[in-house]
Amino acid sequence: MLAKLCRGRERPDCRTYPRHTRWHAERQALLSRHDIVFVGLRPPLATLTQREKIRGNRPAGSAARDAAHVHDGLLYDLEFDGSTPVTDMAQTLLTHLQTPRPRSCFFAG
């Protein structure tokens, strides 16, 4: 869902939207009727740096700069570091969805 909301916007706005109060408030209103899970993915810096090199369309060092602050101030319902197999992450998410839980922290603040 987030990818869909970010489509057509500048990439930095998508990555840092909770710091943009109006944008976050608009998304809270838009999604208020939905049961959402806000998931954070924090791959190791080595993985991000490798992807940066492979892509070839980012300035050298931008992965490290972004990794240092991109999650600042964010609260997630679930977090993954990317080292877990995708099927295990999916199972964790499905289990999370099947258990009683408070409203997503996306709506906090």
N, C-alpha and C. Protein backbone atom coordinates (compact mmCIF):
# COMPACT_ATOMS: atom_id res chain seq x y z
N MET A 1 0.81 -1.19 0.00
CA MET A 1 0.00 0.00 0.00
C MET A 1 0.86 1.26 0.00
N LEU A 2 1.92 1.29 0.81
CA LEU A 2 2.77 2.47 0.85
C LEU A 2 3.38 2.76 -0.50
N ALA A 3 3.82 1.70 -1.20
CA ALA A 3 4.40 1.91 -2.52
C ALA A 3 3.38 2.58 -3.44
N LYS A 4 2.13 2.18 -3.33
CA LYS A 4 1.09 2.78 -4.15
C LYS A 4 0.90 4.25 -3.78
N LEU A 5 0.93 4.56 -2.49
CA LEU A 5 0.77 5.95 -2.05
C LEU A 5 1.94 6.80 -2.50
N CYS A 6 3.13 6.21 -2.58
CA CYS A 6 4.32 6.98 -2.92
C CYS A 6 4.49 7.16 -4.42
N ARG A 7 3.81 6.39 -5.21
CA ARG A 7 3.99 6.48 -6.66
C ARG A 7 3.75 7.90 -7.14
N GLY A 8 4.68 8.40 -7.91
CA GLY A 8 4.54 9.73 -8.48
C GLY A 8 5.07 10.84 -7.58
N ARG A 9 5.55 10.50 -6.40
CA ARG A 9 6.10 11.51 -5.50
C ARG A 9 7.61 11.41 -5.51
N GLU A 10 8.25 12.48 -5.13
CA GLU A 10 9.71 12.44 -5.02
C GLU A 10 10.11 11.41 -3.98
N ARG A 11 11.12 10.65 -4.26
CA ARG A 11 11.55 9.58 -3.38
C ARG A 11 11.82 10.03 -1.94
N PRO A 12 12.49 11.15 -1.68
CA PRO A 12 12.72 11.54 -0.28
C PRO A 12 11.42 11.75 0.49
N ASP A 13 10.37 12.25 -0.15
CA ASP A 13 9.11 12.43 0.55
C ASP A 13 8.54 11.09 0.99
N CYS A 14 8.70 10.08 0.16
CA CYS A 14 8.16 8.77 0.50
C CYS A 14 8.92 8.15 1.65
N ARG A 15 10.22 8.32 1.66
CA ARG A 15 11.02 7.68 2.70
C ARG A 15 10.88 8.37 4.05
N THR A 16 10.56 9.63 4.06
CA THR A 16 10.56 10.38 5.32
C THR A 16 9.20 10.97 5.64
N TYR A 17 8.13 10.42 5.10
CA TYR A 17 6.83 11.06 5.22
C TYR A 17 6.36 11.33 6.64
N PRO A 18 6.65 10.49 7.66
CA PRO A 18 6.12 10.84 8.98
C PRO A 18 6.69 12.14 9.52
N ARG A 19 7.84 12.56 9.04
CA ARG A 19 8.41 13.82 9.48
C ARG A 19 7.70 15.00 8.82
N HIS A 20 6.92 14.73 7.81
CA HIS A 20 6.14 15.76 7.14
C HIS A 20 4.72 15.67 7.70
N THR A 21 4.46 16.45 8.72
CA THR A 21 3.25 16.32 9.51
C THR A 21 1.98 16.34 8.67
N ARG A 22 1.86 17.29 7.76
CA ARG A 22 0.63 17.37 6.96
C ARG A 22 0.45 16.12 6.11
N TRP A 23 1.53 15.68 5.47
CA TRP A 23 1.46 14.49 4.62
C TRP A 23 1.06 13.28 5.45
N HIS A 24 1.64 13.13 6.63
CA HIS A 24 1.32 12.00 7.49
C HIS A 24 -0.14 12.08 7.93
N ALA A 25 -0.60 13.25 8.33
CA ALA A 25 -1.98 13.42 8.77
C ALA A 25 -2.96 13.09 7.64
N GLU A 26 -2.62 13.47 6.43
CA GLU A 26 -3.48 13.16 5.28
C GLU A 26 -3.56 11.65 5.08
N ARG A 27 -2.43 10.96 5.21
CA ARG A 27 -2.42 9.50 5.03
C ARG A 27 -3.14 8.80 6.16
N GLN A 28 -3.02 9.35 7.38
CA GLN A 28 -3.76 8.78 8.49
C GLN A 28 -5.27 8.84 8.21
N ALA A 29 -5.73 9.98 7.72
CA ALA A 29 -7.15 10.13 7.40
C ALA A 29 -7.55 9.18 6.27
N LEU A 30 -6.72 9.09 5.25
CA LEU A 30 -7.01 8.23 4.10
C LEU A 30 -7.12 6.76 4.51
N LEU A 31 -6.27 6.34 5.42
CA LEU A 31 -6.20 4.92 5.81
C LEU A 31 -6.96 4.61 7.09
N SER A 32 -7.64 5.57 7.67
CA SER A 32 -8.24 5.40 9.00
C SER A 32 -9.26 4.28 9.08
N ARG A 33 -9.89 3.94 8.01
CA ARG A 33 -10.90 2.86 8.02
C ARG A 33 -10.29 1.49 7.78
N HIS A 34 -8.99 1.45 7.59
CA HIS A 34 -8.33 0.20 7.24
C HIS A 34 -7.49 -0.33 8.40
N ASP A 35 -7.40 -1.64 8.45
CA ASP A 35 -6.54 -2.31 9.41
C ASP A 35 -5.19 -2.47 8.73
N ILE A 36 -4.22 -1.65 9.11
CA ILE A 36 -2.92 -1.71 8.45
C ILE A 36 -1.85 -2.18 9.42
N VAL A 37 -0.77 -2.66 8.87
CA VAL A 37 0.42 -3.02 9.63
C VAL A 37 1.56 -2.23 9.02
N PHE A 38 2.21 -1.42 9.83
CA PHE A 38 3.30 -0.57 9.37
C PHE A 38 4.59 -1.35 9.60
N VAL A 39 5.23 -1.73 8.50
CA VAL A 39 6.40 -2.60 8.56
C VAL A 39 7.67 -1.83 8.19
N GLY A 40 8.68 -1.96 9.03
CA GLY A 40 9.98 -1.36 8.75
C GLY A 40 10.96 -2.44 8.31
N LEU A 41 11.70 -2.15 7.27
CA LEU A 41 12.72 -3.07 6.78
C LEU A 41 14.06 -2.37 6.90
N ARG A 42 14.94 -2.94 7.70
CA ARG A 42 16.25 -2.35 7.97
C ARG A 42 17.36 -3.31 7.57
N PRO A 43 17.66 -3.39 6.28
CA PRO A 43 18.74 -4.27 5.85
C PRO A 43 20.08 -3.78 6.38
N PRO A 44 21.05 -4.69 6.52
CA PRO A 44 22.39 -4.27 6.97
C PRO A 44 23.00 -3.28 5.97
N LEU A 45 23.86 -2.41 6.48
CA LEU A 45 24.50 -1.41 5.64
C LEU A 45 25.26 -2.06 4.48
N ALA A 46 25.89 -3.20 4.72
CA ALA A 46 26.63 -3.88 3.65
C ALA A 46 25.69 -4.24 2.49
N THR A 47 24.49 -4.66 2.80
CA THR A 47 23.51 -5.00 1.76
C THR A 47 23.09 -3.75 1.00
N LEU A 48 22.83 -2.68 1.72
CA LEU A 48 22.43 -1.42 1.08
C LEU A 48 23.53 -0.89 0.17
N THR A 49 24.76 -0.97 0.64
CA THR A 49 25.90 -0.49 -0.15
C THR A 49 26.07 -1.32 -1.41
N GLN A 50 25.89 -2.63 -1.27
CA GLN A 50 26.00 -3.52 -2.44
C GLN A 50 24.91 -3.17 -3.46
N ARG A 51 23.70 -2.97 -3.01
CA ARG A 51 22.60 -2.61 -3.91
C ARG A 51 22.87 -1.27 -4.59
N GLU A 52 23.42 -0.33 -3.83
CA GLU A 52 23.76 0.98 -4.39
C GLU A 52 24.72 0.83 -5.56
N LYS A 53 25.74 0.01 -5.39
CA LYS A 53 26.73 -0.21 -6.46
C LYS A 53 26.10 -0.89 -7.66
N ILE A 54 25.27 -1.89 -7.43
CA ILE A 54 24.64 -2.63 -8.52
C ILE A 54 23.70 -1.73 -9.31
N ARG A 55 22.92 -0.92 -8.62
CA ARG A 55 21.99 -0.02 -9.30
C ARG A 55 22.74 0.99 -10.17
N GLY A 56 23.80 1.53 -9.64
CA GLY A 56 24.60 2.46 -10.41
C GLY A 56 23.99 3.82 -10.66
N ASN A 57 22.84 4.09 -10.09
CA ASN A 57 22.19 5.38 -10.33
C ASN A 57 22.08 6.24 -9.07
N ARG A 58 22.88 5.88 -8.06
CA ARG A 58 22.90 6.66 -6.82
C ARG A 58 24.32 7.11 -6.55
N PRO A 59 24.48 8.29 -6.00
CA PRO A 59 25.83 8.75 -5.65
C PRO A 59 26.47 7.81 -4.62
N ALA A 60 27.75 7.57 -4.77
CA ALA A 60 28.46 6.72 -3.83
C ALA A 60 28.31 7.28 -2.41
N GLY A 61 28.00 6.42 -1.48
CA GLY A 61 27.83 6.83 -0.09
C GLY A 61 26.41 7.21 0.29
N SER A 62 25.51 7.31 -0.69
CA SER A 62 24.15 7.73 -0.36
C SER A 62 23.41 6.67 0.47
N ALA A 63 23.72 5.41 0.27
CA ALA A 63 23.08 4.36 1.06
C ALA A 63 23.45 4.51 2.53
N ALA A 64 24.71 4.77 2.80
CA ALA A 64 25.15 4.96 4.19
C ALA A 64 24.52 6.20 4.80
N ARG A 65 24.46 7.28 4.03
CA ARG A 65 23.84 8.51 4.55
C ARG A 65 22.36 8.28 4.85
N ASP A 66 21.67 7.64 3.94
CA ASP A 66 20.24 7.38 4.14
C ASP A 66 20.01 6.44 5.33
N ALA A 67 20.80 5.37 5.41
CA ALA A 67 20.63 4.38 6.47
C ALA A 67 20.80 5.00 7.85
N ALA A 68 21.60 6.04 7.93
CA ALA A 68 21.88 6.67 9.21
C ALA A 68 20.68 7.42 9.78
N HIS A 69 19.70 7.78 8.93
CA HIS A 69 18.59 8.60 9.44
C HIS A 69 17.22 8.26 8.90
N VAL A 70 17.11 7.40 7.92
CA VAL A 70 15.83 7.19 7.25
C VAL A 70 14.73 6.67 8.19
N HIS A 71 15.10 5.98 9.25
CA HIS A 71 14.11 5.46 10.19
C HIS A 71 13.94 6.33 11.43
N ASP A 72 14.64 7.46 11.47
CA ASP A 72 14.54 8.34 12.64
C ASP A 72 13.09 8.73 12.90
N GLY A 73 12.68 8.57 14.13
CA GLY A 73 11.35 9.01 14.53
C GLY A 73 10.22 8.10 14.09
N LEU A 74 10.52 6.99 13.48
CA LEU A 74 9.47 6.09 13.00
C LEU A 74 9.24 4.96 14.00
N LEU A 75 7.98 4.62 14.19
CA LEU A 75 7.60 3.47 14.99
C LEU A 75 6.91 2.49 14.06
N TYR A 76 7.30 1.24 14.14
CA TYR A 76 6.74 0.23 13.26
C TYR A 76 5.99 -0.82 14.08
N ASP A 77 5.00 -1.43 13.45
CA ASP A 77 4.30 -2.55 14.07
C ASP A 77 5.17 -3.80 14.02
N LEU A 78 5.90 -3.96 12.95
CA LEU A 78 6.84 -5.08 12.76
C LEU A 78 8.10 -4.53 12.12
N GLU A 79 9.23 -5.15 12.45
CA GLU A 79 10.49 -4.77 11.80
C GLU A 79 11.23 -6.02 11.38
N PHE A 80 11.87 -5.92 10.22
CA PHE A 80 12.70 -6.99 9.70
C PHE A 80 14.04 -6.39 9.29
N ASP A 81 15.09 -7.21 9.35
CA ASP A 81 16.41 -6.72 8.95
C ASP A 81 16.84 -7.25 7.59
N GLY A 82 15.99 -8.03 6.97
CA GLY A 82 16.30 -8.55 5.63
C GLY A 82 17.10 -9.83 5.64
N SER A 83 17.55 -10.28 6.81
CA SER A 83 18.34 -11.52 6.86
C SER A 83 17.45 -12.76 6.94
N THR A 84 16.20 -12.55 7.29
CA THR A 84 15.25 -13.65 7.40
C THR A 84 14.71 -14.00 6.01
N PRO A 85 14.58 -15.29 5.71
CA PRO A 85 14.00 -15.66 4.41
C PRO A 85 12.61 -15.03 4.23
N VAL A 86 12.30 -14.69 3.01
CA VAL A 86 11.04 -14.02 2.69
C VAL A 86 9.84 -14.82 3.19
N THR A 87 9.87 -16.13 3.03
CA THR A 87 8.73 -16.94 3.47
C THR A 87 8.55 -16.84 4.99
N ASP A 88 9.64 -16.75 5.74
CA ASP A 88 9.54 -16.61 7.19
C ASP A 88 8.98 -15.23 7.56
N MET A 89 9.42 -14.19 6.84
CA MET A 89 8.89 -12.86 7.10
C MET A 89 7.39 -12.83 6.80
N ALA A 90 6.99 -13.46 5.71
CA ALA A 90 5.57 -13.50 5.35
C ALA A 90 4.77 -14.23 6.42
N GLN A 91 5.31 -15.33 6.94
CA GLN A 91 4.62 -16.07 8.00
C GLN A 91 4.49 -15.23 9.26
N THR A 92 5.54 -14.49 9.60
CA THR A 92 5.49 -13.60 10.76
C THR A 92 4.40 -12.56 10.57
N LEU A 93 4.32 -11.98 9.39
CA LEU A 93 3.29 -10.98 9.10
C LEU A 93 1.89 -11.61 9.18
N LEU A 94 1.72 -12.78 8.60
CA LEU A 94 0.40 -13.44 8.65
C LEU A 94 0.00 -13.76 10.08
N THR A 95 0.95 -14.23 10.88
CA THR A 95 0.67 -14.52 12.28
C THR A 95 0.28 -13.24 13.01
N HIS A 96 0.99 -12.18 12.74
CA HIS A 96 0.68 -10.87 13.33
C HIS A 96 -0.74 -10.45 12.98
N LEU A 97 -1.13 -10.66 11.74
CA LEU A 97 -2.46 -10.27 11.29
C LEU A 97 -3.56 -11.11 11.93
N GLN A 98 -3.23 -12.33 12.31
CA GLN A 98 -4.24 -13.25 12.87
C GLN A 98 -4.39 -13.14 14.38
N THR A 99 -3.57 -12.33 15.02
CA THR A 99 -3.65 -12.20 16.48
C THR A 99 -4.24 -10.85 16.84
N PRO A 100 -4.96 -10.81 17.97
CA PRO A 100 -5.49 -9.50 18.41
C PRO A 100 -4.32 -8.55 18.67
N ARG A 101 -4.48 -7.31 18.25
CA ARG A 101 -3.41 -6.34 18.41
C ARG A 101 -4.01 -4.94 18.48
N PRO A 102 -3.28 -4.02 19.04
CA PRO A 102 -3.78 -2.63 19.06
C PRO A 102 -3.74 -2.04 17.65
N ARG A 103 -4.37 -0.93 17.49
CA ARG A 103 -4.34 -0.22 16.22
C ARG A 103 -2.90 0.09 15.83
N SER A 104 -2.62 0.10 14.55
CA SER A 104 -1.26 0.32 14.06
C SER A 104 -0.66 1.59 14.63
N CYS A 105 0.64 1.53 14.91
CA CYS A 105 1.33 2.71 15.41
C CYS A 105 1.42 3.79 14.34
N PHE A 106 1.09 3.45 13.10
CA PHE A 106 1.03 4.45 12.03
C PHE A 106 0.07 5.59 12.42
N PHE A 107 -0.95 5.25 13.21
CA PHE A 107 -1.96 6.23 13.58
C PHE A 107 -1.61 6.99 14.87
N ALA A 108 -0.49 6.66 15.48
CA ALA A 108 -0.07 7.38 16.68
C ALA A 108 0.45 8.76 16.30
N GLY A 109 0.24 9.70 17.14
CA GLY A 109 0.81 11.03 16.93
C GLY A 109 0.08 11.90 15.99
